[in-house]
Amino acid sequence: MTNKSKVERLVRLARAQVGRPYYYGVKVTAQPRMFDCSSLVQWLYQKGGIKLPRRSLEQAAQGRSVRRRIELLQPGDLLFFTGEYGHYDPKYPQGIGHVAVYVGDKKAIHAKGVNGNGKVKVVPIIKLWRRPDLVAIRRIFSS
């Protein structure tokens, strides 16, 4: 399977999860019935044959960095935010607590909410791009 076909599959799968319930710290056995942000990303990439860590902080160490220029985004790129449940390490002292995946067409998909009151959503990329807590963009698939 080429990287292009893996990305296309990831985008299709991500769109198919829209509306699924959000639950922070969801167990792997509950996927794909429900997700939190990092389990959604892990599950999507796993379906494309790429193993990513479970936690968003560890996912932010994968792939390569993408400069913060919106025109450089490619489908499959991951956007990392400090979030409310930040996890810290020396590379990200401000913490990483949320992740979203860019799916093209100026849109991103992420799982967001408070337990029992949230879901997997499609959002305009500009809404995430303008957030002051966007701290990293990573590309897992090579161009």
N, C-alpha and C. Protein backbone atom coordinates (compact mmCIF):
# COMPACT_ATOMS: atom_id res chain seq x y z
N MET A 1 0.85 -1.18 0.00
CA MET A 1 0.00 0.00 0.00
C MET A 1 0.90 1.25 0.00
N THR A 2 0.67 2.16 -0.91
CA THR A 2 1.47 3.38 -1.00
C THR A 2 1.07 4.35 0.12
N ASN A 3 1.94 5.32 0.39
CA ASN A 3 1.60 6.34 1.39
C ASN A 3 0.34 7.09 0.99
N LYS A 4 0.20 7.37 -0.31
CA LYS A 4 -0.99 8.09 -0.77
C LYS A 4 -2.26 7.30 -0.45
N SER A 5 -2.24 6.00 -0.71
CA SER A 5 -3.44 5.20 -0.43
C SER A 5 -3.65 5.05 1.08
N LYS A 6 -2.58 5.03 1.87
CA LYS A 6 -2.72 4.99 3.33
C LYS A 6 -3.37 6.27 3.85
N VAL A 7 -2.95 7.41 3.30
CA VAL A 7 -3.54 8.69 3.71
C VAL A 7 -5.01 8.74 3.32
N GLU A 8 -5.33 8.31 2.10
CA GLU A 8 -6.72 8.31 1.65
C GLU A 8 -7.58 7.43 2.55
N ARG A 9 -7.04 6.29 2.93
CA ARG A 9 -7.79 5.40 3.83
C ARG A 9 -7.97 6.05 5.21
N LEU A 10 -6.91 6.66 5.72
CA LEU A 10 -7.00 7.34 7.02
C LEU A 10 -8.09 8.40 6.99
N VAL A 11 -8.14 9.19 5.94
CA VAL A 11 -9.15 10.26 5.82
C VAL A 11 -10.55 9.66 5.76
N ARG A 12 -10.72 8.61 4.97
CA ARG A 12 -12.04 7.94 4.89
C ARG A 12 -12.47 7.40 6.26
N LEU A 13 -11.54 6.73 6.93
CA LEU A 13 -11.84 6.18 8.25
C LEU A 13 -12.15 7.27 9.26
N ALA A 14 -11.38 8.36 9.21
CA ALA A 14 -11.61 9.47 10.14
C ALA A 14 -13.00 10.04 9.94
N ARG A 15 -13.38 10.27 8.70
CA ARG A 15 -14.72 10.81 8.42
C ARG A 15 -15.81 9.85 8.88
N ALA A 16 -15.55 8.55 8.80
CA ALA A 16 -16.55 7.56 9.21
C ALA A 16 -16.74 7.53 10.73
N GLN A 17 -15.78 8.09 11.48
CA GLN A 17 -15.89 8.09 12.95
C GLN A 17 -16.62 9.32 13.48
N VAL A 18 -16.88 10.29 12.62
CA VAL A 18 -17.54 11.52 13.07
C VAL A 18 -18.87 11.18 13.74
N GLY A 19 -19.07 11.76 14.91
CA GLY A 19 -20.28 11.51 15.68
C GLY A 19 -20.11 10.47 16.76
N ARG A 20 -19.02 9.69 16.72
CA ARG A 20 -18.79 8.70 17.78
C ARG A 20 -18.56 9.41 19.10
N PRO A 21 -18.94 8.79 20.21
CA PRO A 21 -18.79 9.44 21.51
C PRO A 21 -17.32 9.60 21.93
N TYR A 22 -17.11 10.65 22.72
CA TYR A 22 -15.81 10.95 23.32
C TYR A 22 -15.81 10.44 24.75
N TYR A 23 -14.70 9.81 25.14
CA TYR A 23 -14.51 9.45 26.54
C TYR A 23 -13.02 9.48 26.84
N TYR A 24 -12.61 10.37 27.74
CA TYR A 24 -11.19 10.51 28.07
C TYR A 24 -10.65 9.22 28.68
N GLY A 25 -9.51 8.78 28.18
CA GLY A 25 -8.86 7.59 28.70
C GLY A 25 -9.50 6.29 28.26
N VAL A 26 -10.27 6.33 27.18
CA VAL A 26 -10.97 5.14 26.70
C VAL A 26 -9.99 3.98 26.48
N LYS A 27 -10.43 2.80 26.78
CA LYS A 27 -9.62 1.59 26.60
C LYS A 27 -9.67 1.14 25.13
N VAL A 28 -8.62 0.48 24.71
CA VAL A 28 -8.52 -0.01 23.34
C VAL A 28 -9.71 -0.91 23.01
N THR A 29 -10.19 -1.66 23.97
CA THR A 29 -11.30 -2.58 23.71
C THR A 29 -12.60 -1.86 23.38
N ALA A 30 -12.71 -0.57 23.69
CA ALA A 30 -13.92 0.20 23.39
C ALA A 30 -13.87 0.85 22.01
N GLN A 31 -12.73 0.79 21.35
CA GLN A 31 -12.60 1.38 20.02
C GLN A 31 -13.14 0.41 18.98
N PRO A 32 -13.83 0.80 17.97
CA PRO A 32 -14.13 2.17 17.57
C PRO A 32 -15.49 2.69 18.05
N ARG A 33 -16.04 2.09 19.09
CA ARG A 33 -17.33 2.60 19.58
C ARG A 33 -17.20 3.99 20.18
N MET A 34 -16.05 4.29 20.80
CA MET A 34 -15.81 5.60 21.38
C MET A 34 -14.30 5.86 21.37
N PHE A 35 -13.94 7.15 21.47
CA PHE A 35 -12.54 7.56 21.41
C PHE A 35 -12.29 8.73 22.33
N ASP A 36 -11.01 8.92 22.68
CA ASP A 36 -10.54 10.23 23.09
C ASP A 36 -9.62 10.68 21.97
N CYS A 37 -9.02 11.86 22.09
CA CYS A 37 -8.29 12.42 20.94
C CYS A 37 -7.13 11.53 20.49
N SER A 38 -6.31 11.08 21.43
CA SER A 38 -5.12 10.32 21.04
C SER A 38 -5.47 8.89 20.64
N SER A 39 -6.52 8.31 21.22
CA SER A 39 -6.89 6.95 20.81
C SER A 39 -7.45 6.97 19.39
N LEU A 40 -8.16 8.03 19.02
CA LEU A 40 -8.64 8.16 17.65
C LEU A 40 -7.47 8.17 16.68
N VAL A 41 -6.47 9.01 16.96
CA VAL A 41 -5.29 9.10 16.08
C VAL A 41 -4.56 7.76 16.03
N GLN A 42 -4.36 7.13 17.19
CA GLN A 42 -3.67 5.84 17.23
C GLN A 42 -4.43 4.81 16.39
N TRP A 43 -5.74 4.75 16.55
CA TRP A 43 -6.57 3.78 15.84
C TRP A 43 -6.53 4.02 14.33
N LEU A 44 -6.65 5.28 13.92
CA LEU A 44 -6.61 5.61 12.49
C LEU A 44 -5.30 5.18 11.85
N TYR A 45 -4.19 5.51 12.49
CA TYR A 45 -2.89 5.15 11.93
C TYR A 45 -2.67 3.64 11.96
N GLN A 46 -3.13 2.99 13.01
CA GLN A 46 -2.98 1.53 13.10
C GLN A 46 -3.70 0.86 11.94
N LYS A 47 -4.85 1.40 11.55
CA LYS A 47 -5.60 0.83 10.43
C LYS A 47 -4.83 1.00 9.12
N GLY A 48 -3.91 1.96 9.08
CA GLY A 48 -3.06 2.15 7.91
C GLY A 48 -1.72 1.46 8.03
N GLY A 49 -1.57 0.65 9.08
CA GLY A 49 -0.34 -0.12 9.24
C GLY A 49 0.78 0.62 9.95
N ILE A 50 0.47 1.73 10.59
CA ILE A 50 1.50 2.49 11.30
C ILE A 50 1.17 2.47 12.79
N LYS A 51 2.14 2.02 13.56
CA LYS A 51 1.94 1.94 15.01
C LYS A 51 2.37 3.26 15.65
N LEU A 52 1.43 3.88 16.35
CA LEU A 52 1.72 5.09 17.11
C LEU A 52 1.48 4.81 18.59
N PRO A 53 2.19 5.54 19.46
CA PRO A 53 1.93 5.39 20.89
C PRO A 53 0.51 5.82 21.24
N ARG A 54 0.06 5.48 22.42
CA ARG A 54 -1.30 5.78 22.86
C ARG A 54 -1.47 7.23 23.27
N ARG A 55 -0.52 7.81 23.95
CA ARG A 55 -0.65 9.16 24.50
C ARG A 55 -0.24 10.23 23.49
N SER A 56 -0.95 11.36 23.50
CA SER A 56 -0.66 12.45 22.56
C SER A 56 0.76 12.99 22.74
N LEU A 57 1.26 13.06 23.95
CA LEU A 57 2.63 13.53 24.18
C LEU A 57 3.63 12.65 23.44
N GLU A 58 3.43 11.36 23.51
CA GLU A 58 4.34 10.43 22.82
C GLU A 58 4.12 10.46 21.31
N GLN A 59 2.89 10.69 20.87
CA GLN A 59 2.62 10.81 19.43
C GLN A 59 3.33 12.03 18.86
N ALA A 60 3.45 13.10 19.66
CA ALA A 60 4.10 14.33 19.20
C ALA A 60 5.59 14.15 18.93
N ALA A 61 6.15 13.05 19.37
CA ALA A 61 7.57 12.76 19.13
C ALA A 61 7.76 11.94 17.85
N GLN A 62 6.68 11.56 17.20
CA GLN A 62 6.75 10.71 16.01
C GLN A 62 6.82 11.57 14.74
N GLY A 63 7.29 10.96 13.66
CA GLY A 63 7.31 11.63 12.36
C GLY A 63 8.29 12.80 12.34
N ARG A 64 7.98 13.76 11.50
CA ARG A 64 8.85 14.94 11.40
C ARG A 64 8.03 16.21 11.60
N SER A 65 8.72 17.23 12.04
CA SER A 65 8.08 18.52 12.31
C SER A 65 7.69 19.21 11.01
N VAL A 66 6.57 19.91 11.05
CA VAL A 66 6.10 20.72 9.92
C VAL A 66 6.06 22.16 10.40
N ARG A 67 6.63 23.07 9.59
CA ARG A 67 6.60 24.49 9.96
C ARG A 67 5.17 24.98 10.07
N ARG A 68 4.97 25.95 10.95
CA ARG A 68 3.62 26.46 11.18
C ARG A 68 3.23 27.44 10.07
N ARG A 69 2.90 26.87 8.94
CA ARG A 69 2.37 27.62 7.81
C ARG A 69 1.22 26.79 7.27
N ILE A 70 0.04 27.34 7.30
CA ILE A 70 -1.18 26.58 6.98
C ILE A 70 -1.12 25.96 5.58
N GLU A 71 -0.46 26.62 4.65
CA GLU A 71 -0.39 26.10 3.28
C GLU A 71 0.50 24.86 3.17
N LEU A 72 1.27 24.56 4.20
CA LEU A 72 2.14 23.38 4.18
C LEU A 72 1.43 22.12 4.68
N LEU A 73 0.24 22.29 5.27
CA LEU A 73 -0.48 21.12 5.80
C LEU A 73 -0.85 20.13 4.70
N GLN A 74 -0.72 18.86 5.04
CA GLN A 74 -1.12 17.78 4.15
C GLN A 74 -2.05 16.84 4.91
N PRO A 75 -2.99 16.21 4.23
CA PRO A 75 -3.85 15.24 4.91
C PRO A 75 -3.00 14.22 5.68
N GLY A 76 -3.44 13.95 6.90
CA GLY A 76 -2.71 13.03 7.77
C GLY A 76 -1.82 13.73 8.77
N ASP A 77 -1.52 15.01 8.56
CA ASP A 77 -0.70 15.75 9.52
C ASP A 77 -1.43 15.85 10.86
N LEU A 78 -0.66 15.80 11.93
CA LEU A 78 -1.22 15.86 13.27
C LEU A 78 -0.91 17.20 13.91
N LEU A 79 -1.91 17.80 14.53
CA LEU A 79 -1.77 19.08 15.22
C LEU A 79 -1.90 18.82 16.73
N PHE A 80 -0.93 19.33 17.49
CA PHE A 80 -0.87 19.07 18.92
C PHE A 80 -1.05 20.37 19.71
N PHE A 81 -1.80 20.26 20.79
CA PHE A 81 -2.17 21.40 21.62
C PHE A 81 -1.87 21.10 23.08
N THR A 82 -1.72 22.18 23.86
CA THR A 82 -1.46 21.96 25.28
C THR A 82 -2.63 21.25 25.94
N GLY A 83 -3.85 21.64 25.66
CA GLY A 83 -5.03 20.96 26.19
C GLY A 83 -5.21 21.14 27.68
N GLU A 84 -6.29 20.57 28.19
CA GLU A 84 -6.60 20.67 29.61
C GLU A 84 -5.90 19.61 30.43
N TYR A 85 -5.55 18.49 29.81
CA TYR A 85 -4.90 17.39 30.52
C TYR A 85 -3.48 17.26 29.99
N GLY A 86 -2.68 18.33 30.11
CA GLY A 86 -1.34 18.32 29.54
C GLY A 86 -0.43 17.31 30.19
N HIS A 87 0.41 16.72 29.38
CA HIS A 87 1.46 15.82 29.85
C HIS A 87 2.76 16.47 29.41
N TYR A 88 3.77 16.42 30.26
CA TYR A 88 4.95 17.25 30.07
C TYR A 88 6.20 16.40 29.89
N ASP A 89 7.14 16.95 29.14
CA ASP A 89 8.49 16.40 29.05
C ASP A 89 9.40 17.53 28.60
N PRO A 90 10.72 17.32 28.58
CA PRO A 90 11.64 18.42 28.24
C PRO A 90 11.42 19.02 26.86
N LYS A 91 11.00 18.21 25.88
CA LYS A 91 10.78 18.75 24.53
C LYS A 91 9.54 19.64 24.49
N TYR A 92 8.53 19.29 25.28
CA TYR A 92 7.29 20.06 25.33
C TYR A 92 6.99 20.46 26.78
N PRO A 93 7.77 21.42 27.31
CA PRO A 93 7.57 21.80 28.71
C PRO A 93 6.20 22.42 28.98
N GLN A 94 5.57 22.95 27.95
CA GLN A 94 4.22 23.51 28.10
C GLN A 94 3.16 22.42 28.13
N GLY A 95 3.55 21.21 27.75
CA GLY A 95 2.65 20.07 27.78
C GLY A 95 1.93 19.83 26.47
N ILE A 96 1.51 18.61 26.28
CA ILE A 96 0.68 18.21 25.15
C ILE A 96 -0.52 17.49 25.75
N GLY A 97 -1.70 17.94 25.41
CA GLY A 97 -2.89 17.33 25.97
C GLY A 97 -4.00 17.09 24.96
N HIS A 98 -3.75 17.44 23.69
CA HIS A 98 -4.79 17.25 22.68
C HIS A 98 -4.14 17.10 21.31
N VAL A 99 -4.78 16.31 20.46
CA VAL A 99 -4.30 16.10 19.10
C VAL A 99 -5.49 16.04 18.15
N ALA A 100 -5.28 16.59 16.94
CA ALA A 100 -6.27 16.55 15.86
C ALA A 100 -5.55 16.11 14.60
N VAL A 101 -6.29 15.58 13.65
CA VAL A 101 -5.71 15.16 12.37
C VAL A 101 -6.29 16.01 11.25
N TYR A 102 -5.39 16.54 10.42
CA TYR A 102 -5.82 17.31 9.25
C TYR A 102 -6.26 16.32 8.18
N VAL A 103 -7.45 16.55 7.59
CA VAL A 103 -8.00 15.61 6.60
C VAL A 103 -8.13 16.23 5.21
N GLY A 104 -7.58 17.42 5.01
CA GLY A 104 -7.68 18.08 3.72
C GLY A 104 -8.94 18.92 3.63
N ASP A 105 -9.10 19.59 2.50
CA ASP A 105 -10.26 20.45 2.26
C ASP A 105 -10.47 21.46 3.39
N LYS A 106 -9.36 21.93 3.97
CA LYS A 106 -9.39 22.94 5.04
C LYS A 106 -10.16 22.47 6.27
N LYS A 107 -10.09 21.15 6.55
CA LYS A 107 -10.81 20.59 7.69
C LYS A 107 -9.90 19.67 8.51
N ALA A 108 -10.25 19.54 9.78
CA ALA A 108 -9.57 18.61 10.67
C ALA A 108 -10.63 17.81 11.41
N ILE A 109 -10.22 16.66 11.92
CA ILE A 109 -11.10 15.83 12.72
C ILE A 109 -10.42 15.56 14.05
N HIS A 110 -11.19 15.68 15.12
CA HIS A 110 -10.67 15.36 16.45
C HIS A 110 -11.79 14.90 17.36
N ALA A 111 -11.40 14.20 18.41
CA ALA A 111 -12.33 13.78 19.45
C ALA A 111 -12.17 14.75 20.60
N LYS A 112 -13.26 15.38 20.98
CA LYS A 112 -13.18 16.43 21.99
C LYS A 112 -14.45 16.45 22.81
N GLY A 113 -14.28 16.76 24.08
CA GLY A 113 -15.44 16.90 24.94
C GLY A 113 -15.11 16.59 26.38
N VAL A 114 -16.15 16.55 27.18
CA VAL A 114 -16.06 16.14 28.57
C VAL A 114 -16.79 14.80 28.62
N ASN A 115 -16.27 13.88 29.41
CA ASN A 115 -16.84 12.53 29.45
C ASN A 115 -18.36 12.54 29.43
N GLY A 116 -18.90 11.81 28.47
CA GLY A 116 -20.34 11.72 28.33
C GLY A 116 -20.95 12.87 27.54
N ASN A 117 -20.14 13.86 27.20
CA ASN A 117 -20.67 15.02 26.49
C ASN A 117 -19.65 15.51 25.48
N GLY A 118 -19.42 14.74 24.48
CA GLY A 118 -18.49 15.11 23.43
C GLY A 118 -18.51 14.05 22.35
N LYS A 119 -17.82 14.35 21.27
CA LYS A 119 -17.81 13.38 20.18
C LYS A 119 -16.68 13.68 19.22
N VAL A 120 -16.53 12.80 18.25
CA VAL A 120 -15.60 13.01 17.15
C VAL A 120 -16.25 14.02 16.22
N LYS A 121 -15.51 15.08 15.90
CA LYS A 121 -16.07 16.19 15.12
C LYS A 121 -15.16 16.57 13.95
N VAL A 122 -15.79 17.12 12.92
CA VAL A 122 -15.08 17.78 11.83
C VAL A 122 -15.13 19.27 12.13
N VAL A 123 -13.99 19.93 12.03
CA VAL A 123 -13.94 21.38 12.28
C VAL A 123 -13.12 22.06 11.18
N PRO A 124 -13.43 23.32 10.88
CA PRO A 124 -12.59 24.05 9.94
C PRO A 124 -11.18 24.17 10.51
N ILE A 125 -10.18 23.94 9.69
CA ILE A 125 -8.80 23.97 10.17
C ILE A 125 -8.46 25.34 10.76
N ILE A 126 -9.04 26.39 10.23
CA ILE A 126 -8.73 27.73 10.73
C ILE A 126 -9.11 27.88 12.21
N LYS A 127 -10.15 27.19 12.62
CA LYS A 127 -10.57 27.24 14.02
C LYS A 127 -9.47 26.69 14.94
N LEU A 128 -8.84 25.61 14.53
CA LEU A 128 -7.74 25.05 15.32
C LEU A 128 -6.46 25.85 15.13
N TRP A 129 -6.25 26.31 13.91
CA TRP A 129 -5.02 27.04 13.58
C TRP A 129 -4.86 28.30 14.42
N ARG A 130 -5.95 28.95 14.72
CA ARG A 130 -5.91 30.21 15.47
C ARG A 130 -5.76 30.02 16.98
N ARG A 131 -5.85 28.78 17.43
CA ARG A 131 -5.73 28.53 18.87
C ARG A 131 -4.31 28.86 19.33
N PRO A 132 -4.17 29.62 20.41
CA PRO A 132 -2.84 29.97 20.89
C PRO A 132 -2.09 28.79 21.50
N ASP A 133 -2.80 27.71 21.80
CA ASP A 133 -2.14 26.55 22.42
C ASP A 133 -1.69 25.49 21.41
N LEU A 134 -1.70 25.81 20.11
CA LEU A 134 -1.13 24.91 19.10
C LEU A 134 0.37 24.94 19.27
N VAL A 135 0.97 23.80 19.62
CA VAL A 135 2.40 23.79 19.94
C VAL A 135 3.25 22.98 18.97
N ALA A 136 2.64 22.08 18.19
CA ALA A 136 3.44 21.27 17.27
C ALA A 136 2.57 20.73 16.15
N ILE A 137 3.20 20.54 14.99
CA ILE A 137 2.57 19.90 13.84
C ILE A 137 3.55 18.82 13.40
N ARG A 138 3.05 17.61 13.26
CA ARG A 138 3.92 16.49 12.89
C ARG A 138 3.37 15.78 11.67
N ARG A 139 4.27 15.35 10.80
CA ARG A 139 3.90 14.58 9.60
C ARG A 139 4.41 13.15 9.79
N ILE A 140 3.50 12.22 9.80
CA ILE A 140 3.84 10.83 9.99
C ILE A 140 4.14 10.16 8.65
N PHE A 141 3.32 10.46 7.64
CA PHE A 141 3.55 9.92 6.30
C PHE A 141 4.56 10.79 5.58
N SER A 142 5.52 10.16 4.90
CA SER A 142 6.45 10.94 4.11
C SER A 142 5.77 11.42 2.83
N SER A 143 6.24 12.53 2.31
CA SER A 143 5.61 13.11 1.10
C SER A 143 5.92 12.31 -0.13
